[in-house]
């Protein structure tokens, strides 16, 4: 029984180390929220610094289609990020769990 517990502890430690080292390397992530109601679509995007969980930039837009709303918010956010020296195209999406 002790061996199984020890192995589980080791597995958990390794997993935590892996997650922490992965977060250090990644720097920033973006999170997308979408909402549709009555033919209107809203898209919000937040860029988050992984290490601190600080929201670096956030934008939202509405449109008659999800694509239209996404295109609007992407342009706004890209402009805002370029002022901060970041490129939205190089920031990966956050993984859903």
Protein backbone atom coordinates (compact mmCIF):
# COMPACT_ATOMS: atom_id res chain seq x y z
CA UNK A 1 0.00 0.00 0.00
CA UNK A 2 2.85 2.43 0.78
CA UNK A 3 4.34 1.95 -2.68
CA UNK A 4 1.09 2.94 -4.40
CA UNK A 5 0.83 6.14 -2.30
CA UNK A 6 4.45 7.01 -2.95
CA UNK A 7 4.02 6.50 -6.67
CA UNK A 8 0.91 8.68 -6.66
CA UNK A 9 2.83 11.42 -4.82
CA UNK A 10 5.60 11.24 -7.38
CA UNK A 11 3.13 11.42 -10.23
CA UNK A 12 1.44 14.47 -8.72
CA UNK A 13 4.81 16.21 -8.13
CA UNK A 14 5.91 15.54 -11.70
CA UNK A 15 2.61 16.82 -13.06
CA UNK A 16 2.84 20.03 -11.02
CA UNK A 17 6.46 20.62 -12.14
CA UNK A 18 5.42 20.05 -15.74
CA UNK A 19 2.52 22.51 -15.51
CA UNK A 20 4.66 25.18 -13.83
CA UNK A 21 7.50 24.91 -16.35
CA UNK A 22 4.99 24.96 -19.23
CA UNK A 23 3.41 28.16 -17.86
CA UNK A 24 6.77 29.90 -17.50
CA UNK A 25 7.60 29.25 -21.14
CA UNK A 26 4.27 30.36 -22.57
CA UNK A 27 4.09 33.94 -21.31
CA UNK A 28 0.65 34.95 -22.58
CA UNK A 29 -2.63 33.26 -23.48
CA UNK A 30 -5.88 34.59 -24.85
CA UNK A 31 -9.38 33.65 -23.75
CA UNK A 32 -12.43 34.04 -26.00
CA UNK A 33 -16.01 34.36 -24.75
CA UNK A 34 -18.90 34.23 -27.22
CA UNK A 35 -22.54 35.07 -26.64
CA UNK A 36 -25.48 35.07 -29.07
CA UNK A 37 -28.99 36.36 -28.49
CA UNK A 38 -31.72 37.38 -30.89
CA UNK A 39 -29.54 37.48 -33.99
CA UNK A 40 -26.82 39.54 -32.32
CA UNK A 41 -23.45 38.04 -31.48
CA UNK A 42 -20.89 39.31 -28.98
CA UNK A 43 -17.26 38.21 -28.80
CA UNK A 44 -14.89 39.20 -26.00
CA UNK A 45 -11.17 38.41 -25.98
CA UNK A 46 -8.83 38.81 -23.00
CA UNK A 47 -5.06 38.44 -23.18
CA UNK A 48 -3.69 37.12 -19.90
CA UNK A 49 -0.13 36.91 -18.64
CA UNK A 50 0.18 33.27 -17.57
CA UNK A 51 2.69 33.77 -14.75
CA UNK A 52 0.67 36.43 -12.90
CA UNK A 53 -2.88 35.88 -14.30
CA UNK A 54 -2.94 39.62 -15.00
CA UNK A 55 -5.21 40.72 -17.84
CA UNK A 56 -2.93 42.57 -20.27
CA UNK A 57 -5.62 43.65 -22.74
CA UNK A 58 -9.31 43.09 -23.28
CA UNK A 59 -11.69 43.97 -26.10
CA UNK A 60 -15.24 43.11 -27.10
CA UNK A 61 -17.44 43.71 -30.11
CA UNK A 62 -20.90 42.91 -31.44
CA UNK A 63 -22.04 41.94 -34.92
CA UNK A 64 -24.85 40.33 -36.86
CA UNK A 65 -22.72 37.18 -37.21
CA UNK A 66 -20.15 35.56 -34.98
CA UNK A 67 -17.50 36.04 -37.68
CA UNK A 68 -18.27 39.75 -37.99
CA UNK A 69 -18.04 40.25 -34.22
CA UNK A 70 -14.82 38.22 -34.04
CA UNK A 71 -13.23 40.19 -36.89
CA UNK A 72 -14.11 43.51 -35.23
CA UNK A 73 -12.72 42.53 -31.84
CA UNK A 74 -9.59 40.98 -33.37
CA UNK A 75 -8.75 44.24 -35.19
CA UNK A 76 -9.31 46.34 -32.04
CA UNK A 77 -7.25 43.99 -29.90
CA UNK A 78 -4.42 43.72 -32.42
CA UNK A 79 -4.12 47.52 -32.42
CA UNK A 80 -4.08 47.66 -28.64
CA UNK A 81 -1.48 44.87 -28.38
CA UNK A 82 0.80 46.39 -31.00
CA UNK A 83 1.07 49.47 -28.77
CA UNK A 84 2.29 47.11 -26.02
CA UNK A 85 4.76 45.42 -28.38
CA UNK A 86 2.79 42.15 -28.56
CA UNK A 87 1.47 40.28 -31.59
CA UNK A 88 -1.94 38.61 -31.19
CA UNK A 89 -1.10 36.06 -33.89
CA UNK A 90 1.80 34.75 -31.78
CA UNK A 91 -0.26 34.32 -28.59
CA UNK A 92 -1.79 30.86 -28.20
CA UNK A 93 -5.35 30.25 -27.02
CA UNK A 94 -5.90 29.08 -23.46
CA UNK A 95 -6.62 25.37 -23.17
CA UNK A 96 -10.12 24.48 -22.05
CA UNK A 97 -10.34 21.98 -19.20
